[in-house]
Amino acid sequence: MSELKLIHKGKVRDLYAAGEKYLLIVSSDRISAFDFILPTPIPGKGAILNKISSFWFARTGHIIKNHIVSDDTDQICRQVQAPVGFDWDYMRGRAMLVHRTKRVDFECVVRGYITGSGWKEYLKQGSVCGIKLPAGLKEAQRLPEPIFTPTTKADEGHDENVTLEKMAAALPAGLAEKIKDKSLALYKFAAVHLEKRGILLADTKFEFGLLDGELILIDEALTPDSSRFWDAARYRVGTSPESYDKQYVRNWLEGSGWDKKSNPPELPKEVVQGTLQKYEEALNKITQAG
């Protein structure tokens, strides 16, 4: 039985070592925006994110293996030895036991639509992350083909866009191309699934690790925190569509008068509830049969 030891407390998730071979990832109810952890949690958010990741991990094994060992809290409880006072009731539904891998230190972003920072770059340079795109595209327009735009993986500060060539130079031969192929395959599979359920997958990010030399999918997968989901019924080219994510919180913060430098303000009850509803709606649509 492996003993749990807290090794990292992230913006949203807590990471425990479970012996040398496994990790316990716990999705908290914390929410971050503009590189700050906000003082007000979103009750139940962590369990929703965990369910969504588990859903995708269970359905993408034909594309690539992933790190999940178990998302059953009772089973995990029997496999690991928790320190005194460890709250298994809180962990229920939000904990995931995974294989410990050698992380590939790049975030692997796939964009299917032109929006956000990509749109801003396109207006200036006609490209996204250095990839030339056709002239005349409009904001939020679907790209002719999804594009792979990796970034550095920064534990502190901002990630930075890099070219595939720069990524390839930092990794073993052939690994960057394999990651690109798997990222695009995952995106396309998810985009088809989601579109049938009224969601457009504007963009998403994946993370990968090496387990005994084999590339596997790690971290979270296709959640509202790692993806930009749009309501297909309300989507319009030439606009900035609302997302099923913390954009609701960002919009409130933008209008609150907060300077984005001092400690962020508490979220009003209606913003907390509205944000939770967005996450719940995403979960229900993603996991619905059909």
Protein backbone atom coordinates (compact mmCIF):
# COMPACT_ATOMS: atom_id res chain seq x y z
CA MET A 1 0.00 0.00 0.00
CA SER A 2 1.47 3.36 -1.09
CA GLU A 3 1.57 6.28 1.32
CA LEU A 4 0.21 9.63 0.14
CA LYS A 5 2.39 12.73 0.32
CA LEU A 6 1.36 16.19 -0.92
CA ILE A 7 3.95 17.32 -3.47
CA HIS A 8 2.25 20.18 -5.31
CA LYS A 9 -0.68 22.51 -4.78
CA GLY A 10 -1.67 24.05 -8.11
CA LYS A 11 -4.18 26.73 -9.01
CA VAL A 12 -6.95 24.15 -9.25
CA ARG A 13 -5.55 20.70 -8.47
CA ASP A 14 -3.57 19.13 -5.65
CA LEU A 15 -0.99 16.50 -6.45
CA TYR A 16 0.00 13.70 -4.08
CA ALA A 17 2.77 11.15 -4.54
CA ALA A 18 1.43 7.64 -3.97
CA GLY A 19 4.68 5.73 -3.72
CA GLU A 20 7.13 5.91 -6.61
CA LYS A 21 4.85 4.72 -9.42
CA TYR A 22 1.59 6.58 -8.89
CA LEU A 23 0.13 10.01 -8.26
CA LEU A 24 -3.20 11.07 -6.78
CA ILE A 25 -4.69 14.07 -8.56
CA VAL A 26 -7.41 15.90 -6.66
CA SER A 27 -9.55 18.47 -8.49
CA SER A 28 -10.46 21.20 -6.01
CA ASP A 29 -13.25 23.77 -6.24
CA ARG A 30 -10.71 26.58 -6.57
CA ILE A 31 -11.00 28.78 -9.64
CA SER A 32 -8.33 30.99 -11.16
CA ALA A 33 -8.46 33.94 -13.53
CA PHE A 34 -5.82 36.34 -14.83
CA ASP A 35 -3.12 34.23 -13.09
CA PHE A 36 -4.74 34.64 -9.64
CA ILE A 37 -6.50 32.04 -7.52
CA LEU A 38 -9.80 33.68 -6.61
CA PRO A 39 -10.84 33.75 -2.94
CA THR A 40 -14.28 32.27 -3.68
CA PRO A 41 -14.52 28.57 -4.66
CA ILE A 42 -17.15 27.16 -7.03
CA PRO A 43 -18.75 24.33 -4.98
CA GLY A 44 -18.78 21.06 -6.95
CA LYS A 45 -16.58 22.32 -9.80
CA GLY A 46 -13.75 19.89 -9.03
CA ALA A 47 -16.00 16.84 -9.19
CA ILE A 48 -17.44 18.04 -12.52
CA LEU A 49 -13.96 18.44 -14.03
CA ASN A 50 -12.97 15.00 -12.77
CA LYS A 51 -16.07 13.39 -14.33
CA ILE A 52 -15.43 15.06 -17.68
CA SER A 53 -11.78 13.95 -17.79
CA SER A 54 -12.76 10.41 -16.82
CA PHE A 55 -15.38 10.39 -19.57
CA TRP A 56 -12.82 11.31 -22.24
CA PHE A 57 -10.08 9.03 -20.92
CA ALA A 58 -12.52 6.11 -21.17
CA ARG A 59 -13.37 6.95 -24.79
CA THR A 60 -10.04 7.88 -26.36
CA GLY A 61 -7.99 4.78 -25.57
CA HIS A 62 -8.20 3.75 -29.23
CA ILE A 63 -6.24 6.90 -30.10
CA ILE A 64 -3.70 6.86 -27.27
CA LYS A 65 -3.27 5.27 -23.85
CA ASN A 66 -3.68 7.53 -20.81
CA HIS A 67 -2.40 7.70 -17.25
CA ILE A 68 -5.57 6.77 -15.35
CA VAL A 69 -5.41 3.82 -12.94
CA SER A 70 -8.71 4.42 -11.11
CA ASP A 71 -11.28 7.15 -10.52
CA ASP A 72 -13.24 5.02 -8.01
CA THR A 73 -12.68 6.69 -4.62
CA ASP A 74 -13.42 3.51 -2.63
CA GLN A 75 -10.94 1.52 -4.72
CA ILE A 76 -8.31 4.25 -4.42
CA CYS A 77 -8.84 4.34 -0.65
CA ARG A 78 -7.98 0.63 -0.47
CA GLN A 79 -4.85 1.08 -2.63
CA VAL A 80 -3.19 3.98 -0.83
CA GLN A 81 -2.37 4.86 2.77
CA ALA A 82 -3.56 8.38 3.57
CA PRO A 83 -2.13 10.51 6.36
CA VAL A 84 -4.13 11.04 9.54
CA GLY A 85 -6.98 13.47 8.96
CA PHE A 86 -7.10 12.95 5.21
CA ASP A 87 -10.68 13.73 4.16
CA TRP A 88 -11.85 10.90 1.92
CA ASP A 89 -15.41 12.26 1.94
CA TYR A 90 -14.14 15.44 0.29
CA MET A 91 -12.13 13.36 -2.18
CA ARG A 92 -15.17 11.41 -3.34
CA GLY A 93 -15.71 12.01 -7.05
CA ARG A 94 -12.80 14.42 -7.38
CA ALA A 95 -9.77 12.13 -6.98
CA MET A 96 -7.98 10.18 -9.69
CA LEU A 97 -5.13 7.69 -9.18
CA VAL A 98 -2.75 7.83 -12.15
CA HIS A 99 0.55 6.47 -13.37
CA ARG A 100 3.55 8.66 -12.65
CA THR A 101 5.18 9.61 -15.95
CA LYS A 102 8.04 11.68 -17.29
CA ARG A 103 6.13 14.78 -18.33
CA VAL A 104 6.70 16.28 -21.76
CA ASP A 105 7.24 19.94 -20.92
CA PHE A 106 5.01 21.42 -23.61
CA GLU A 107 1.31 22.21 -23.63
CA CYS A 108 -0.15 20.87 -26.86
CA VAL A 109 -2.81 23.24 -28.13
CA VAL A 110 -5.11 22.43 -31.05
CA ARG A 111 -7.19 25.21 -32.58
CA GLY A 112 -10.18 24.51 -34.79
CA TYR A 113 -11.46 28.09 -34.89
CA ILE A 114 -9.71 31.46 -34.92
CA THR A 115 -10.33 33.31 -31.68
CA GLY A 116 -8.65 34.75 -28.61
CA SER A 117 -4.92 35.46 -28.87
CA GLY A 118 -4.84 33.65 -32.22
CA TRP A 119 -7.31 36.15 -33.69
CA LYS A 120 -5.24 39.08 -32.40
CA GLU A 121 -2.09 37.68 -34.02
CA TYR A 122 -3.92 36.96 -37.27
CA LEU A 123 -5.10 40.58 -37.52
CA LYS A 124 -1.52 41.79 -37.22
CA GLN A 125 0.42 39.13 -39.12
CA GLY A 126 -2.00 36.86 -41.00
CA SER A 127 -0.80 33.91 -38.92
CA VAL A 128 -1.47 32.04 -35.69
CA CYS A 129 1.60 31.00 -33.71
CA GLY A 130 3.63 31.50 -36.87
CA ILE A 131 1.37 29.31 -39.03
CA LYS A 132 0.23 31.27 -42.10
CA LEU A 133 -3.54 31.19 -42.64
CA PRO A 134 -5.75 32.20 -45.60
CA ALA A 135 -6.54 35.89 -45.97
CA GLY A 136 -9.99 37.22 -45.16
CA LEU A 137 -10.87 35.06 -42.14
CA LYS A 138 -13.36 36.49 -39.66
CA GLU A 139 -13.32 36.24 -35.88
CA ALA A 140 -14.47 32.84 -34.59
CA GLN A 141 -14.46 31.35 -38.10
CA ARG A 142 -13.77 27.63 -38.43
CA LEU A 143 -10.29 27.01 -39.81
CA PRO A 144 -9.92 24.99 -43.03
CA GLU A 145 -8.13 22.36 -40.90
CA PRO A 146 -7.33 22.28 -37.17
CA ILE A 147 -3.82 23.51 -36.39
CA PHE A 148 -1.32 22.37 -33.75
CA THR A 149 0.21 25.26 -31.80
CA PRO A 150 2.36 24.09 -28.86
CA THR A 151 3.48 26.29 -25.98
CA THR A 152 6.12 26.00 -23.32
CA LYS A 153 4.92 24.52 -20.03
CA ALA A 154 5.56 27.21 -17.42
CA ASP A 155 5.03 26.31 -13.76
CA GLU A 156 5.28 30.02 -13.01
CA GLY A 157 4.25 32.94 -15.24
CA HIS A 158 2.91 32.69 -18.77
CA ASP A 159 3.35 29.91 -21.31
CA GLU A 160 4.98 31.00 -24.58
CA ASN A 161 4.07 29.90 -28.10
CA VAL A 162 6.74 27.85 -29.87
CA THR A 163 7.05 26.38 -33.34
CA LEU A 164 6.85 22.66 -33.97
CA GLU A 165 10.50 22.84 -35.05
CA LYS A 166 11.56 24.33 -31.72
CA MET A 167 9.54 21.72 -29.86
CA ALA A 168 11.11 18.95 -31.96
CA ALA A 169 14.62 20.24 -31.21
CA ALA A 170 13.96 19.90 -27.46
CA LEU A 171 12.58 16.33 -27.61
CA PRO A 172 13.82 12.90 -28.76
CA ALA A 173 13.69 12.35 -32.51
CA GLY A 174 10.17 11.87 -33.89
CA LEU A 175 8.39 12.59 -30.60
CA ALA A 176 7.10 16.06 -31.48
CA GLU A 177 5.52 14.81 -34.72
CA LYS A 178 3.90 11.93 -32.86
CA ILE A 179 2.51 14.33 -30.26
CA LYS A 180 1.16 16.56 -33.01
CA ASP A 181 -0.55 13.61 -34.73
CA LYS A 182 -2.11 12.36 -31.48
CA SER A 183 -3.24 15.87 -30.48
CA LEU A 184 -4.98 16.43 -33.81
CA ALA A 185 -6.59 12.97 -33.70
CA LEU A 186 -7.91 13.62 -30.17
CA TYR A 187 -9.25 17.02 -31.17
CA LYS A 188 -11.04 15.69 -34.26
CA PHE A 189 -12.60 12.80 -32.34
CA ALA A 190 -13.85 15.12 -29.60
CA ALA A 191 -15.07 17.79 -32.03
CA VAL A 192 -17.32 15.29 -33.81
CA HIS A 193 -18.69 13.97 -30.51
CA LEU A 194 -19.37 17.45 -29.18
CA GLU A 195 -20.93 18.86 -32.33
CA LYS A 196 -23.59 16.13 -32.17
CA ARG A 197 -24.42 17.47 -28.70
CA GLY A 198 -24.60 21.14 -29.62
CA ILE A 199 -21.07 22.17 -28.62
CA LEU A 200 -18.32 23.52 -30.87
CA LEU A 201 -14.76 22.78 -29.75
CA ALA A 202 -12.99 26.04 -30.55
CA ASP A 203 -9.66 24.95 -29.09
CA THR A 204 -8.19 22.73 -26.41
CA LYS A 205 -4.89 21.75 -24.86
CA PHE A 206 -3.42 18.35 -24.06
CA GLU A 207 -0.48 17.22 -21.98
CA PHE A 208 1.57 14.09 -22.52
CA GLY A 209 4.04 11.99 -20.60
CA LEU A 210 6.32 9.02 -21.19
CA LEU A 211 5.67 5.80 -19.28
CA ASP A 212 8.36 3.18 -19.81
CA GLY A 213 9.21 5.00 -23.05
CA GLU A 214 5.61 5.00 -24.34
CA LEU A 215 3.78 8.25 -25.07
CA ILE A 216 0.53 8.56 -23.07
CA LEU A 217 -2.09 11.24 -22.41
CA ILE A 218 -1.90 12.78 -18.92
CA ASP A 219 -3.29 15.64 -16.81
CA GLU A 220 -6.91 16.52 -17.67
CA ALA A 221 -8.71 16.02 -20.98
CA LEU A 222 -11.20 18.19 -22.85
CA THR A 223 -12.65 19.98 -19.82
CA PRO A 224 -14.03 23.53 -19.68
CA ASP A 225 -10.78 24.52 -17.92
CA SER A 226 -8.56 23.20 -20.73
CA SER A 227 -10.86 23.90 -23.69
CA ARG A 228 -12.99 26.59 -25.25
CA PHE A 229 -16.51 25.19 -25.73
CA TRP A 230 -19.11 27.22 -27.64
CA ASP A 231 -22.86 26.76 -27.78
CA ALA A 232 -23.50 25.78 -31.42
CA ALA A 233 -27.00 27.28 -31.34
CA ARG A 234 -25.65 30.74 -30.43
CA TYR A 235 -22.49 30.64 -32.53
CA ARG A 236 -22.06 33.44 -35.06
CA VAL A 237 -19.03 34.10 -37.25
CA GLY A 238 -17.64 37.58 -36.65
CA THR A 239 -18.39 37.61 -32.93
CA SER A 240 -16.66 36.45 -29.76
CA PRO A 241 -18.93 33.58 -28.66
CA GLU A 242 -19.63 32.87 -24.99
CA SER A 243 -17.88 29.83 -23.60
CA TYR A 244 -18.87 27.02 -21.23
CA ASP A 245 -16.07 27.95 -18.89
CA LYS A 246 -14.81 30.58 -16.49
CA GLN A 247 -15.31 33.35 -19.05
CA TYR A 248 -18.40 34.16 -16.96
CA VAL A 249 -16.07 34.92 -14.05
CA ARG A 250 -13.56 36.82 -16.21
CA ASN A 251 -16.34 39.05 -17.56
CA TRP A 252 -17.49 39.91 -14.03
CA LEU A 253 -13.93 40.64 -12.90
CA GLU A 254 -13.36 42.89 -15.93
CA GLY A 255 -16.33 45.02 -14.90
CA SER A 256 -15.65 44.96 -11.16
CA GLY A 257 -12.97 47.64 -11.13
CA TRP A 258 -10.28 45.17 -9.96
CA ASP A 259 -6.79 46.24 -11.11
CA LYS A 260 -5.56 42.64 -11.74
CA LYS A 261 -2.57 43.36 -9.49
CA SER A 262 -3.94 43.40 -5.96
CA ASN A 263 -5.75 40.49 -4.30
CA PRO A 264 -8.89 39.67 -6.32
CA PRO A 265 -12.33 40.38 -4.87
CA GLU A 266 -14.81 37.83 -3.54
CA LEU A 267 -17.27 36.62 -6.16
CA PRO A 268 -20.96 37.46 -5.62
CA LYS A 269 -23.30 34.56 -5.00
CA GLU A 270 -24.99 34.98 -8.41
CA VAL A 271 -21.61 34.80 -10.22
CA VAL A 272 -20.70 31.61 -8.32
CA GLN A 273 -24.06 30.06 -9.22
CA GLY A 274 -23.90 31.20 -12.83
CA THR A 275 -20.42 29.75 -13.23
CA LEU A 276 -21.44 26.43 -11.69
CA GLN A 277 -24.40 26.24 -14.07
CA LYS A 278 -22.03 26.65 -17.03
CA TYR A 279 -19.88 23.74 -15.82
CA GLU A 280 -22.93 21.57 -15.12
CA GLU A 281 -24.36 22.29 -18.54
CA ALA A 282 -21.06 21.34 -20.16
CA LEU A 283 -20.95 18.05 -18.20
CA ASN A 284 -24.53 17.14 -19.09
CA LYS A 285 -24.07 17.88 -22.79
CA ILE A 286 -20.70 16.14 -23.08
CA THR A 287 -21.83 12.95 -21.37
CA GLN A 288 -25.37 12.68 -22.78
CA ALA A 289 -26.07 9.57 -24.85
CA GLY A 290 -26.45 9.80 -28.61
